[in-house]
Amino acid sequence: QVQLVESGGGLVQPGGSLRLSCAASGFTLDYYTIGWFRQAPGKEREGVSCSSSDGTTYYADSVKGRFTISRDNAKNTVYLIMNSLKPEDTAVYYCATDRYVPIATIREPDEYDYWGQGTQVTVSS
């Protein structure tokens, strides 16, 4: 069955960097849309960065220029490289996937049926 396992979260100082990994199993990543989402305490889950099977990518305005989504289809793994981290980036980060996600709604959590367990990212001095 489809499984996603995130790793790489932790505590980092403002301005620092982290690389999150999402290891996928039970399906071939090449044919799926995959996204990174985050949820801070008291806030709704939001799309951070998503990548469709045709190469289309999405970045939330708040992370453009700082975060990069990267697929390694040979390893069936997706990465989220996060630079210049800010305290407001603190959240639980989730990866999610689904086979058919319209580009127009690629950032919407409801479009994704399969989710990982999440990894905590804390940006604090």
PDB file of N, CA and C in Angstrom:
ATOM      1  N   GLN A   1       0.838  -1.177   0.000  1.00  0.00           N
ATOM      2  CA  GLN A   1       0.000   0.000   0.000  1.00  0.00           C
ATOM      3  C   GLN A   1       0.887   1.245   0.000  1.00  0.00           C
ATOM      4  N   VAL A   2       0.265   2.384  -0.305  1.00  0.00           N
ATOM      5  CA  VAL A   2       0.996   3.641  -0.369  1.00  0.00           C
ATOM      6  C   VAL A   2       1.438   4.044   1.036  1.00  0.00           C
ATOM      7  N   GLN A   3       2.725   4.308   1.175  1.00  0.00           N
ATOM      8  CA  GLN A   3       3.265   4.802   2.440  1.00  0.00           C
ATOM      9  C   GLN A   3       4.223   5.945   2.185  1.00  0.00           C
ATOM     10  N   LEU A   4       4.181   6.911   3.080  1.00  0.00           N
ATOM     11  CA  LEU A   4       5.081   8.057   3.035  1.00  0.00           C
ATOM     12  C   LEU A   4       5.693   8.226   4.419  1.00  0.00           C
ATOM     13  N   VAL A   5       7.009   8.384   4.468  1.00  0.00           N
ATOM     14  CA  VAL A   5       7.696   8.560   5.746  1.00  0.00           C
ATOM     15  C   VAL A   5       8.595   9.791   5.661  1.00  0.00           C
ATOM     16  N   GLU A   6       8.271  10.793   6.493  1.00  0.00           N
ATOM     17  CA  GLU A   6       9.066  12.014   6.516  1.00  0.00           C
ATOM     18  C   GLU A   6      10.198  11.891   7.534  1.00  0.00           C
ATOM     19  N   SER A   7      11.266  12.629   7.270  1.00  0.00           N
ATOM     20  CA  SER A   7      12.373  12.731   8.217  1.00  0.00           C
ATOM     21  C   SER A   7      13.111  14.033   7.956  1.00  0.00           C
ATOM     22  N   GLY A   8      13.987  14.393   8.898  1.00  0.00           N
ATOM     23  CA  GLY A   8      14.834  15.562   8.701  1.00  0.00           C
ATOM     24  C   GLY A   8      14.439  16.794   9.489  1.00  0.00           C
ATOM     25  N   GLY A   9      13.331  16.728  10.209  1.00  0.00           N
ATOM     26  CA  GLY A   9      12.936  17.878  11.011  1.00  0.00           C
ATOM     27  C   GLY A   9      13.851  18.060  12.209  1.00  0.00           C
ATOM     28  N   GLY A  10      13.651  19.169  12.914  1.00  0.00           N
ATOM     29  CA  GLY A  10      14.455  19.421  14.100  1.00  0.00           C
ATOM     30  C   GLY A  10      14.389  20.869  14.513  1.00  0.00           C
ATOM     31  N   LEU A  11      15.290  21.222  15.421  1.00  0.00           N
ATOM     32  CA  LEU A  11      15.398  22.593  15.923  1.00  0.00           C
ATOM     33  C   LEU A  11      16.529  23.298  15.194  1.00  0.00           C
ATOM     34  N   VAL A  12      16.253  24.475  14.665  1.00  0.00           N
ATOM     35  CA  VAL A  12      17.260  25.240  13.934  1.00  0.00           C
ATOM     36  C   VAL A  12      17.103  26.713  14.292  1.00  0.00           C
ATOM     37  N   GLN A  13      18.208  27.435  14.262  1.00  0.00           N
ATOM     38  CA  GLN A  13      18.168  28.863  14.557  1.00  0.00           C
ATOM     39  C   GLN A  13      17.648  29.642  13.349  1.00  0.00           C
ATOM     40  N   PRO A  14      17.072  30.803  13.585  1.00  0.00           N
ATOM     41  CA  PRO A  14      16.652  31.648  12.451  1.00  0.00           C
ATOM     42  C   PRO A  14      17.818  31.887  11.490  1.00  0.00           C
ATOM     43  N   GLY A  15      17.496  31.805  10.207  1.00  0.00           N
ATOM     44  CA  GLY A  15      18.528  31.944   9.187  1.00  0.00           C
ATOM     45  C   GLY A  15      19.176  30.637   8.795  1.00  0.00           C
ATOM     46  N   GLY A  16      18.889  29.583   9.530  1.00  0.00           N
ATOM     47  CA  GLY A  16      19.490  28.285   9.251  1.00  0.00           C
ATOM     48  C   GLY A  16      18.769  27.522   8.154  1.00  0.00           C
ATOM     49  N   SER A  17      19.210  26.288   7.942  1.00  0.00           N
ATOM     50  CA  SER A  17      18.684  25.454   6.862  1.00  0.00           C
ATOM     51  C   SER A  17      18.363  24.052   7.366  1.00  0.00           C
ATOM     52  N   LEU A  18      17.419  23.428   6.694  1.00  0.00           N
ATOM     53  CA  LEU A  18      17.088  22.025   6.939  1.00  0.00           C
ATOM     54  C   LEU A  18      16.715  21.391   5.614  1.00  0.00           C
ATOM     55  N   ARG A  19      16.921  20.072   5.525  1.00  0.00           N
ATOM     56  CA  ARG A  19      16.428  19.323   4.381  1.00  0.00           C
ATOM     57  C   ARG A  19      15.504  18.233   4.879  1.00  0.00           C
ATOM     58  N   LEU A  20      14.246  18.325   4.486  1.00  0.00           N
ATOM     59  CA  LEU A  20      13.273  17.284   4.820  1.00  0.00           C
ATOM     60  C   LEU A  20      13.250  16.245   3.709  1.00  0.00           C
ATOM     61  N   SER A  21      13.071  14.999   4.102  1.00  0.00           N
ATOM     62  CA  SER A  21      12.958  13.907   3.142  1.00  0.00           C
ATOM     63  C   SER A  21      11.604  13.222   3.304  1.00  0.00           C
ATOM     64  N   CYS A  22      11.080  12.752   2.206  1.00  0.00           N
ATOM     65  CA  CYS A  22       9.832  11.985   2.211  1.00  0.00           C
ATOM     66  C   CYS A  22      10.070  10.732   1.364  1.00  0.00           C
ATOM     67  N   ALA A  23      10.225   9.606   2.045  1.00  0.00           N
ATOM     68  CA  ALA A  23      10.466   8.339   1.366  1.00  0.00           C
ATOM     69  C   ALA A  23       9.131   7.682   1.055  1.00  0.00           C
ATOM     70  N   ALA A  24       8.930   7.381  -0.223  1.00  0.00           N
ATOM     71  CA  ALA A  24       7.665   6.806  -0.678  1.00  0.00           C
ATOM     72  C   ALA A  24       7.822   5.319  -0.977  1.00  0.00           C
ATOM     73  N   SER A  25       6.782   4.559  -0.696  1.00  0.00           N
ATOM     74  CA  SER A  25       6.783   3.135  -1.031  1.00  0.00           C
ATOM     75  C   SER A  25       5.364   2.714  -1.393  1.00  0.00           C
ATOM     76  N   GLY A  26       5.290   1.624  -2.145  1.00  0.00           N
ATOM     77  CA  GLY A  26       3.983   1.101  -2.545  1.00  0.00           C
ATOM     78  C   GLY A  26       3.450   1.699  -3.832  1.00  0.00           C
ATOM     79  N   PHE A  27       4.198   2.614  -4.429  1.00  0.00           N
ATOM     80  CA  PHE A  27       3.788   3.212  -5.699  1.00  0.00           C
ATOM     81  C   PHE A  27       5.017   3.820  -6.355  1.00  0.00           C
ATOM     82  N   THR A  28       4.868   4.165  -7.642  1.00  0.00           N
ATOM     83  CA  THR A  28       5.969   4.764  -8.394  1.00  0.00           C
ATOM     84  C   THR A  28       5.781   6.270  -8.425  1.00  0.00           C
ATOM     85  N   LEU A  29       6.709   6.953  -7.793  1.00  0.00           N
ATOM     86  CA  LEU A  29       6.590   8.397  -7.600  1.00  0.00           C
ATOM     87  C   LEU A  29       6.451   9.163  -8.911  1.00  0.00           C
ATOM     88  N   ASP A  30       7.073   8.656  -9.976  1.00  0.00           N
ATOM     89  CA  ASP A  30       7.075   9.363 -11.270  1.00  0.00           C
ATOM     90  C   ASP A  30       5.682   9.790 -11.705  1.00  0.00           C
ATOM     91  N   TYR A  31       4.679   8.990 -11.378  1.00  0.00           N
ATOM     92  CA  TYR A  31       3.341   9.213 -11.926  1.00  0.00           C
ATOM     93  C   TYR A  31       2.404   9.944 -10.971  1.00  0.00           C
ATOM     94  N   TYR A  32       2.939  10.401  -9.861  1.00  0.00           N
ATOM     95  CA  TYR A  32       2.108  11.003  -8.827  1.00  0.00           C
ATOM     96  C   TYR A  32       2.483  12.462  -8.587  1.00  0.00           C
ATOM     97  N   THR A  33       1.495  13.220  -8.184  1.00  0.00           N
ATOM     98  CA  THR A  33       1.738  14.556  -7.642  1.00  0.00           C
ATOM     99  C   THR A  33       2.082  14.404  -6.165  1.00  0.00           C
ATOM    100  N   ILE A  34       3.054  15.148  -5.718  1.00  0.00           N
ATOM    101  CA  ILE A  34       3.440  15.073  -4.315  1.00  0.00           C
ATOM    102  C   ILE A  34       3.618  16.480  -3.766  1.00  0.00           C
ATOM    103  N   GLY A  35       3.233  16.660  -2.528  1.00  0.00           N
ATOM    104  CA  GLY A  35       3.299  17.988  -1.940  1.00  0.00           C
ATOM    105  C   GLY A  35       3.784  17.978  -0.513  1.00  0.00           C
ATOM    106  N   TRP A  36       4.332  19.105  -0.113  1.00  0.00           N
ATOM    107  CA  TRP A  36       4.700  19.353   1.277  1.00  0.00           C
ATOM    108  C   TRP A  36       3.692  20.347   1.853  1.00  0.00           C
ATOM    109  N   PHE A  37       3.179  20.024   3.026  1.00  0.00           N
ATOM    110  CA  PHE A  37       2.220  20.861   3.729  1.00  0.00           C
ATOM    111  C   PHE A  37       2.738  21.091   5.137  1.00  0.00           C
ATOM    112  N   ARG A  38       2.207  22.092   5.800  1.00  0.00           N
ATOM    113  CA  ARG A  38       2.600  22.325   7.181  1.00  0.00           C
ATOM    114  C   ARG A  38       1.395  22.803   7.987  1.00  0.00           C
ATOM    115  N   GLN A  39       1.477  22.539   9.276  1.00  0.00           N
ATOM    116  CA  GLN A  39       0.416  22.969  10.174  1.00  0.00           C
ATOM    117  C   GLN A  39       1.030  23.448  11.474  1.00  0.00           C
ATOM    118  N   ALA A  40       0.811  24.717  11.763  1.00  0.00           N
ATOM    119  CA  ALA A  40       1.268  25.308  13.012  1.00  0.00           C
ATOM    120  C   ALA A  40       0.136  25.231  14.036  1.00  0.00           C
ATOM    121  N   PRO A  41       0.469  25.275  15.325  1.00  0.00           N
ATOM    122  CA  PRO A  41      -0.578  25.201  16.359  1.00  0.00           C
ATOM    123  C   PRO A  41      -1.640  26.267  16.156  1.00  0.00           C
ATOM    124  N   GLY A  42      -2.909  25.853  16.170  1.00  0.00           N
ATOM    125  CA  GLY A  42      -4.016  26.785  16.043  1.00  0.00           C
ATOM    126  C   GLY A  42      -4.285  27.271  14.630  1.00  0.00           C
ATOM    127  N   LYS A  43      -3.551  26.737  13.658  1.00  0.00           N
ATOM    128  CA  LYS A  43      -3.724  27.171  12.271  1.00  0.00           C
ATOM    129  C   LYS A  43      -4.134  26.003  11.389  1.00  0.00           C
ATOM    130  N   GLU A  44      -4.703  26.324  10.243  1.00  0.00           N
ATOM    131  CA  GLU A  44      -5.078  25.290   9.287  1.00  0.00           C
ATOM    132  C   GLU A  44      -3.839  24.771   8.553  1.00  0.00           C
ATOM    133  N   ARG A  45      -3.963  23.544   8.086  1.00  0.00           N
ATOM    134  CA  ARG A  45      -2.883  22.987   7.274  1.00  0.00           C
ATOM    135  C   ARG A  45      -2.806  23.756   5.952  1.00  0.00           C
ATOM    136  N   GLU A  46      -1.582  24.075   5.517  1.00  0.00           N
ATOM    137  CA  GLU A  46      -1.416  24.856   4.296  1.00  0.00           C
ATOM    138  C   GLU A  46      -0.399  24.211   3.369  1.00  0.00           C
ATOM    139  N   GLY A  47      -0.602  24.416   2.083  1.00  0.00           N
ATOM    140  CA  GLY A  47       0.347  23.924   1.094  1.00  0.00           C
ATOM    141  C   GLY A  47       1.605  24.776   1.091  1.00  0.00           C
ATOM    142  N   VAL A  48       2.745  24.134   1.135  1.00  0.00           N
ATOM    143  CA  VAL A  48       4.038  24.826   1.131  1.00  0.00           C
ATOM    144  C   VAL A  48       4.667  24.745  -0.257  1.00  0.00           C
ATOM    145  N   SER A  49       4.792  23.528  -0.769  1.00  0.00           N
ATOM    146  CA  SER A  49       5.376  23.323  -2.083  1.00  0.00           C
ATOM    147  C   SER A  49       4.898  21.991  -2.631  1.00  0.00           C
ATOM    148  N   CYS A  50       4.549  21.985  -3.904  1.00  0.00           N
ATOM    149  CA  CYS A  50       4.010  20.780  -4.536  1.00  0.00           C
ATOM    150  C   CYS A  50       4.643  20.576  -5.899  1.00  0.00           C
ATOM    151  N   SER A  51       4.686  19.328  -6.325  1.00  0.00           N
ATOM    152  CA  SER A  51       5.299  18.982  -7.602  1.00  0.00           C
ATOM    153  C   SER A  51       4.436  17.949  -8.309  1.00  0.00           C
ATOM    154  N   SER A  52       4.002  18.265  -9.515  1.00  0.00           N
ATOM    155  CA  SER A  52       3.184  17.314 -10.263  1.00  0.00           C
ATOM    156  C   SER A  52       4.077  16.409 -11.108  1.00  0.00           C
ATOM    157  N   SER A  53       3.509  15.351 -11.635  1.00  0.00           N
ATOM    158  CA  SER A  53       4.282  14.388 -12.418  1.00  0.00           C
ATOM    159  C   SER A  53       4.791  14.981 -13.723  1.00  0.00           C
ATOM    160  N   ASP A  54       4.169  16.069 -14.195  1.00  0.00           N
ATOM    161  CA  ASP A  54       4.625  16.686 -15.450  1.00  0.00           C
ATOM    162  C   ASP A  54       5.634  17.795 -15.205  1.00  0.00           C
ATOM    163  N   GLY A  55       6.052  17.971 -13.956  1.00  0.00           N
ATOM    164  CA  GLY A  55       7.087  18.954 -13.663  1.00  0.00           C
ATOM    165  C   GLY A  55       6.580  20.293 -13.156  1.00  0.00           C
ATOM    166  N   THR A  56       5.275  20.467 -13.126  1.00  0.00           N
ATOM    167  CA  THR A  56       4.726  21.709 -12.586  1.00  0.00           C
ATOM    168  C   THR A  56       5.015  21.786 -11.090  1.00  0.00           C
ATOM    169  N   THR A  57       5.459  22.961 -10.653  1.00  0.00           N
ATOM    170  CA  THR A  57       5.716  23.134  -9.227  1.00  0.00           C
ATOM    171  C   THR A  57       4.926  24.320  -8.690  1.00  0.00           C
ATOM    172  N   TYR A  58       4.646  24.247  -7.403  1.00  0.00           N
ATOM    173  CA  TYR A  58       3.943  25.317  -6.702  1.00  0.00           C
ATOM    174  C   TYR A  58       4.732  25.658  -5.443  1.00  0.00           C
ATOM    175  N   TYR A  59       4.833  26.934  -5.155  1.00  0.00           N
ATOM    176  CA  TYR A  59       5.406  27.398  -3.893  1.00  0.00           C
ATOM    177  C   TYR A  59       4.472  28.433  -3.285  1.00  0.00           C
ATOM    178  N   ALA A  60       4.228  28.322  -1.997  1.00  0.00           N
ATOM    179  CA  ALA A  60       3.502  29.365  -1.295  1.00  0.00           C
ATOM    180  C   ALA A  60       4.332  30.654  -1.341  1.00  0.00           C
ATOM    181  N   ASP A  61       3.663  31.779  -1.399  1.00  0.00           N
ATOM    182  CA  ASP A  61       4.363  33.066  -1.474  1.00  0.00           C
ATOM    183  C   ASP A  61       5.340  33.233  -0.306  1.00  0.00           C
ATOM    184  N   SER A  62       4.960  32.710   0.849  1.00  0.00           N
ATOM    185  CA  SER A  62       5.778  32.902   2.047  1.00  0.00           C
ATOM    186  C   SER A  62       7.109  32.157   2.001  1.00  0.00           C
ATOM    187  N   VAL A  63       7.258  31.208   1.068  1.00  0.00           N
ATOM    188  CA  VAL A  63       8.496  30.422   1.022  1.00  0.00           C
ATOM    189  C   VAL A  63       9.245  30.576  -0.296  1.00  0.00           C
ATOM    190  N   LYS A  64       8.680  31.303  -1.246  1.00  0.00           N
ATOM    191  CA  LYS A  64       9.343  31.477  -2.543  1.00  0.00           C
ATOM    192  C   LYS A  64      10.729  32.084  -2.364  1.00  0.00           C
ATOM    193  N   GLY A  65      11.689  31.504  -3.060  1.00  0.00           N
ATOM    194  CA  GLY A  65      13.059  31.990  -2.967  1.00  0.00           C
ATOM    195  C   GLY A  65      13.840  31.402  -1.803  1.00  0.00           C
ATOM    196  N   ARG A  66      13.143  30.731  -0.885  1.00  0.00           N
ATOM    197  CA  ARG A  66      13.819  30.143   0.280  1.00  0.00           C
ATOM    198  C   ARG A  66      13.744  28.608   0.286  1.00  0.00           C
ATOM    199  N   PHE A  67      12.633  28.060  -0.191  1.00  0.00           N
ATOM    200  CA  PHE A  67      12.419  26.609  -0.186  1.00  0.00           C
ATOM    201  C   PHE A  67      12.493  26.072  -1.612  1.00  0.00           C
ATOM    202  N   THR A  68      12.967  24.832  -1.732  1.00  0.00           N
ATOM    203  CA  THR A  68      13.021  24.157  -3.019  1.00  0.00           C
ATOM    204  C   THR A  68      12.521  22.726  -2.859  1.00  0.00           C
ATOM    205  N   ILE A  69      11.606  22.317  -3.729  1.00  0.00           N
ATOM    206  CA  ILE A  69      11.148  20.928  -3.746  1.00  0.00           C
ATOM    207  C   ILE A  69      11.947  20.189  -4.810  1.00  0.00           C
ATOM    208  N   SER A  70      12.334  18.965  -4.472  1.00  0.00           N
ATOM    209  CA  SER A  70      13.183  18.203  -5.384  1.00  0.00           C
ATOM    210  C   SER A  70      12.772  16.734  -5.338  1.00  0.00           C
ATOM    211  N   ARG A  71      12.604  16.138  -6.516  1.00  0.00           N
ATOM    212  CA  ARG A  71      12.272  14.721  -6.617  1.00  0.00           C
ATOM    213  C   ARG A  71      13.507  13.918  -6.992  1.00  0.00           C
ATOM    214  N   ASP A  72      13.661  12.751  -6.397  1.00  0.00           N
ATOM    215  CA  ASP A  72      14.628  11.770  -6.849  1.00  0.00           C
ATOM    216  C   ASP A  72      13.822  10.514  -7.153  1.00  0.00           C
ATOM    217  N   ASN A  73      13.380  10.417  -8.400  1.00  0.00           N
ATOM    218  CA  ASN A  73      12.488   9.302  -8.748  1.00  0.00           C
ATOM    219  C   ASN A  73      13.198   7.951  -8.635  1.00  0.00           C
ATOM    220  N   ALA A  74      14.491   7.927  -8.846  1.00  0.00           N
ATOM    221  CA  ALA A  74      15.230   6.669  -8.722  1.00  0.00           C
ATOM    222  C   ALA A  74      15.178   6.145  -7.292  1.00  0.00           C
ATOM    223  N   LYS A  75      15.151   7.054  -6.326  1.00  0.00           N
ATOM    224  CA  LYS A  75      15.084   6.672  -4.915  1.00  0.00           C
ATOM    225  C   LYS A  75      13.655   6.715  -4.381  1.00  0.00           C
ATOM    226  N   ASN A  76      12.708   7.111  -5.242  1.00  0.00           N
ATOM    227  CA  ASN A  76      11.321   7.264  -4.812  1.00  0.00           C
ATOM    228  C   ASN A  76      11.210   8.169  -3.585  1.00  0.00           C
ATOM    229  N   THR A  77      11.946   9.265  -3.631  1.00  0.00           N
ATOM    230  CA  THR A  77      12.043  10.174  -2.487  1.00  0.00           C
ATOM    231  C   THR A  77      11.880  11.613  -2.962  1.00  0.00           C
ATOM    232  N   VAL A  78      11.224  12.403  -2.135  1.00  0.00           N
ATOM    233  CA  VAL A  78      11.070  13.828  -2.400  1.00  0.00           C
ATOM    234  C   VAL A  78      11.696  14.596  -1.248  1.00  0.00           C
ATOM    235  N   TYR A  79      12.336  15.696  -1.588  1.00  0.00           N
ATOM    236  CA  TYR A  79      13.002  16.521  -0.586  1.00  0.00           C
ATOM    237  C   TYR A  79      12.384  17.917  -0.559  1.00  0.00           C
ATOM    238  N   LEU A  80      12.466  18.532   0.591  1.00  0.00           N
ATOM    239  CA  LEU A  80      12.147  19.947   0.725  1.00  0.00           C
ATOM    240  C   LEU A  80      13.365  20.609   1.352  1.00  0.00           C
ATOM    241  N   ILE A  81      14.084  21.379   0.543  1.00  0.00           N
ATOM    242  CA  ILE A  81      15.267  22.085   1.023  1.00  0.00           C
ATOM    243  C   ILE A  81      14.817  23.452   1.494  1.00  0.00           C
ATOM    244  N   MET A  82      15.062  23.725   2.770  1.00  0.00           N
ATOM    245  CA  MET A  82      14.574  24.957   3.386  1.00  0.00           C
ATOM    246  C   MET A  82      15.755  25.800   3.840  1.00  0.00           C
ATOM    247  N   ASN A  83      15.887  26.981   3.269  1.00  0.00           N
ATOM    248  CA  ASN A  83      16.949  27.911   3.630  1.00  0.00           C
ATOM    249  C   ASN A  83      16.360  29.172   4.246  1.00  0.00           C
ATOM    250  N   SER A  84      17.216  29.942   4.893  1.00  0.00           N
ATOM    251  CA  SER A  84      16.805  31.221   5.505  1.00  0.00           C
ATOM    252  C   SER A  84      15.549  31.043   6.345  1.00  0.00           C
ATOM    253  N   LEU A  85      15.559  30.058   7.185  1.00  0.00           N
ATOM    254  CA  LEU A  85      14.375  29.747   7.966  1.00  0.00           C
ATOM    255  C   LEU A  85      14.035  30.860   8.945  1.00  0.00           C
ATOM    256  N   LYS A  86      12.722  31.026   9.144  1.00  0.00           N
ATOM    257  CA  LYS A  86      12.191  32.064  10.020  1.00  0.00           C
ATOM    258  C   LYS A  86      11.363  31.412  11.131  1.00  0.00           C
ATOM    259  N   PRO A  87      11.199  32.094  12.248  1.00  0.00           N
ATOM    260  CA  PRO A  87      10.355  31.525  13.314  1.00  0.00           C
ATOM    261  C   PRO A  87       8.954  31.166  12.828  1.00  0.00           C
ATOM    262  N   GLU A  88       8.430  31.910  11.890  1.00  0.00           N
ATOM    263  CA  GLU A  88       7.081  31.620  11.381  1.00  0.00           C
ATOM    264  C   GLU A  88       7.012  30.374  10.508  1.00  0.00           C
ATOM    265  N   ASP A  89       8.158  29.770  10.214  1.00  0.00           N
ATOM    266  CA  ASP A  89       8.180  28.485   9.510  1.00  0.00           C
ATOM    267  C   ASP A  89       7.980  27.312  10.472  1.00  0.00           C
ATOM    268  N   THR A  90       7.952  27.586  11.759  1.00  0.00           N
ATOM    269  CA  THR A  90       7.761  26.536  12.752  1.00  0.00           C
ATOM    270  C   THR A  90       6.400  25.864  12.569  1.00  0.00           C
ATOM    271  N   ALA A  91       6.419  24.545  12.420  1.00  0.00           N
ATOM    272  CA  ALA A  91       5.187  23.789  12.176  1.00  0.00           C
ATOM    273  C   ALA A  91       5.544  22.307  12.084  1.00  0.00           C
ATOM    274  N   VAL A  92       4.504  21.485  12.052  1.00  0.00           N
ATOM    275  CA  VAL A  92       4.678  20.092  11.656  1.00  0.00           C
ATOM    276  C   VAL A  92       4.555  20.047  10.136  1.00  0.00           C
ATOM    277  N   TYR A  93       5.535  19.451   9.504  1.00  0.00           N
ATOM    278  CA  TYR A  93       5.569  19.361   8.046  1.00  0.00           C
ATOM    279  C   TYR A  93       5.177  17.952   7.610  1.00  0.00           C
ATOM    280  N   TYR A  94       4.273  17.886   6.650  1.00  0.00           N
ATOM    281  CA  TYR A  94       3.768  16.619   6.134  1.00  0.00           C
ATOM    282  C   TYR A  94       4.026  16.535   4.632  1.00  0.00           C
ATOM    283  N   CYS A  95       4.299  15.334   4.140  1.00  0.00           N
ATOM    284  CA  CYS A  95       4.237  15.132   2.699  1.00  0.00           C
ATOM    285  C   CYS A  95       2.969  14.336   2.397  1.00  0.00           C
ATOM    286  N   ALA A  96       2.462  14.565   1.207  1.00  0.00           N
ATOM    287  CA  ALA A  96       1.215  13.926   0.793  1.00  0.00           C
ATOM    288  C   ALA A  96       1.275  13.659  -0.705  1.00  0.00           C
ATOM    289  N   THR A  97       0.497  12.679  -1.145  1.00  0.00           N
ATOM    290  CA  THR A  97       0.523  12.343  -2.558  1.00  0.00           C
ATOM    291  C   THR A  97      -0.834  11.853  -3.035  1.00  0.00           C
ATOM    292  N   ASP A  98      -1.032  11.976  -4.324  1.00  0.00           N
ATOM    293  CA  ASP A  98      -2.204  11.419  -4.982  1.00  0.00           C
ATOM    294  C   ASP A  98      -1.902  11.345  -6.467  1.00  0.00           C
ATOM    295  N   ARG A  99      -2.605  10.457  -7.154  1.00  0.00           N
ATOM    296  CA  ARG A  99      -2.311  10.228  -8.567  1.00  0.00           C
ATOM    297  C   ARG A  99      -2.804  11.378  -9.436  1.00  0.00           C
ATOM    298  N   TYR A 100      -4.007  11.830  -9.165  1.00  0.00           N
ATOM    299  CA  TYR A 100      -4.604  12.851 -10.024  1.00  0.00           C
ATOM    300  C   TYR A 100      -4.980  14.063  -9.178  1.00  0.00           C
ATOM    301  N   VAL A 101      -4.204  15.120  -9.354  1.00  0.00           N
ATOM    302  CA  VAL A 101      -4.469  16.373  -8.644  1.00  0.00           C
ATOM    303  C   VAL A 101      -4.514  17.498  -9.671  1.00  0.00           C
ATOM    304  N   PRO A 102      -5.631  18.168  -9.805  1.00  0.00           N
ATOM    305  CA  PRO A 102      -5.693  19.282 -10.774  1.00  0.00           C
ATOM    306  C   PRO A 102      -4.662  20.356 -10.420  1.00  0.00           C
ATOM    307  N   ILE A 103      -4.030  20.900 -11.446  1.00  0.00           N
ATOM    308  CA  ILE A 103      -3.022  21.933 -11.207  1.00  0.00           C
ATOM    309  C   ILE A 103      -3.633  23.125 -10.479  1.00  0.00           C
ATOM    310  N   ALA A 104      -4.878  23.430 -10.808  1.00  0.00           N
ATOM    311  CA  ALA A 104      -5.527  24.604 -10.216  1.00  0.00           C
ATOM    312  C   ALA A 104      -5.683  24.494  -8.711  1.00  0.00           C
ATOM    313  N   THR A 105      -5.722  23.267  -8.203  1.00  0.00           N
ATOM    314  CA  THR A 105      -5.933  23.081  -6.768  1.00  0.00           C
ATOM    315  C   THR A 105      -4.788  22.280  -6.152  1.00  0.00           C
ATOM    316  N   ILE A 106      -3.610  22.344  -6.737  1.00  0.00           N
ATOM    317  CA  ILE A 106      -2.480  21.528  -6.292  1.00  0.00           C
ATOM    318  C   ILE A 106      -2.070  21.841  -4.858  1.00  0.00           C
ATOM    319  N   ARG A 107      -2.395  23.027  -4.369  1.00  0.00           N
ATOM    320  CA  ARG A 107      -1.992  23.417  -3.018  1.00  0.00           C
ATOM    321  C   ARG A 107      -3.011  23.048  -1.951  1.00  0.00           C
ATOM    322  N   GLU A 108      -4.140  22.463  -2.362  1.00  0.00           N
ATOM    323  CA  GLU A 108      -5.227  22.189  -1.422  1.00  0.00           C
ATOM    324  C   GLU A 108      -5.042  20.822  -0.758  1.00  0.00           C
ATOM    325  N   PRO A 109      -4.953  20.783   0.559  1.00  0.00           N
ATOM    326  CA  PRO A 109      -4.786  19.494   1.254  1.00  0.00           C
ATOM    327  C   PRO A 109      -5.869  18.472   0.927  1.00  0.00           C
ATOM    328  N   ASP A 110      -7.092  18.921   0.695  1.00  0.00           N
ATOM    329  CA  ASP A 110      -8.193  17.996   0.432  1.00  0.00           C
ATOM    330  C   ASP A 110      -8.019  17.202  -0.858  1.00  0.00           C
ATOM    331  N   GLU A 111      -7.099  17.629  -1.736  1.00  0.00           N
ATOM    332  CA  GLU A 111      -6.888  16.924  -2.996  1.00  0.00           C
ATOM    333  C   GLU A 111      -6.036  15.664  -2.824  1.00  0.00           C
ATOM    334  N   TYR A 112      -5.465  15.483  -1.652  1.00  0.00           N
ATOM    335  CA  TYR A 112      -4.498  14.402  -1.432  1.00  0.00           C
ATOM    336  C   TYR A 112      -5.074  13.343  -0.489  1.00  0.00           C
ATOM    337  N   ASP A 113      -4.986  12.090  -0.904  1.00  0.00           N
ATOM    338  CA  ASP A 113      -5.526  10.996  -0.105  1.00  0.00           C
ATOM    339  C   ASP A 113      -4.492  10.330   0.796  1.00  0.00           C
ATOM    340  N   TYR A 114      -3.212  10.456   0.469  1.00  0.00           N
ATOM    341  CA  TYR A 114      -2.185   9.712   1.199  1.00  0.00           C
ATOM    342  C   TYR A 114      -1.239  10.684   1.895  1.00  0.00           C
ATOM    343  N   TRP A 115      -1.027  10.451   3.189  1.00  0.00           N
ATOM    344  CA  TRP A 115      -0.250  11.373   4.012  1.00  0.00           C
ATOM    345  C   TRP A 115       0.774  10.633   4.852  1.00  0.00           C
ATOM    346  N   GLY A 116       1.899  11.300   5.087  1.00  0.00           N
ATOM    347  CA  GLY A 116       2.867  10.797   6.040  1.00  0.00           C
ATOM    348  C   GLY A 116       2.474  11.210   7.449  1.00  0.00           C
ATOM    349  N   GLN A 117       3.323  10.827   8.404  1.00  0.00           N
ATOM    350  CA  GLN A 117       3.011  11.073   9.812  1.00  0.00           C
ATOM    351  C   GLN A 117       3.445  12.459  10.284  1.00  0.00           C
ATOM    352  N   GLY A 118       4.271  13.121   9.515  1.00  0.00           N
ATOM    353  CA  GLY A 118       4.713  14.467   9.846  1.00  0.00           C
ATOM    354  C   GLY A 118       6.042  14.497  10.571  1.00  0.00           C
ATOM    355  N   THR A 119       6.742  15.616  10.431  1.00  0.00           N
ATOM    356  CA  THR A 119       8.003  15.842  11.140  1.00  0.00           C
ATOM    357  C   THR A 119       8.014  17.289  11.635  1.00  0.00           C
ATOM    358  N   GLN A 120       8.433  17.470  12.883  1.00  0.00           N
ATOM    359  CA  GLN A 120       8.396  18.792  13.510  1.00  0.00           C
ATOM    360  C   GLN A 120       9.596  19.621  13.077  1.00  0.00           C
ATOM    361  N   VAL A 121       9.322  20.850  12.677  1.00  0.00           N
ATOM    362  CA  VAL A 121      10.369  21.835  12.401  1.00  0.00           C
ATOM    363  C   VAL A 121      10.158  23.009  13.359  1.00  0.00           C
ATOM    364  N   THR A 122      11.183  23.325  14.128  1.00  0.00           N
ATOM    365  CA  THR A 122      11.119  24.431  15.069  1.00  0.00           C
ATOM    366  C   THR A 122      12.258  25.391  14.770  1.00  0.00           C
ATOM    367  N   VAL A 123      11.905  26.645  14.503  1.00  0.00           N
ATOM    368  CA  VAL A 123      12.897  27.673  14.214  1.00  0.00           C
ATOM    369  C   VAL A 123      12.900  28.647  15.387  1.00  0.00           C
ATOM    370  N   SER A 124      13.966  28.614  16.145  1.00  0.00           N
ATOM    371  CA  SER A 124      14.025  29.420  17.357  1.00  0.00           C
ATOM    372  C   SER A 124      15.472  29.631  17.771  1.00  0.00           C
ATOM    373  N   SER A 125      15.725  30.783  18.379  1.00  0.00           N
ATOM    374  CA  SER A 125      17.064  31.050  18.914  1.00  0.00           C
ATOM    375  C   SER A 125      17.131  30.656  20.389  1.00  0.00           C
TER     376      SER A 125
END
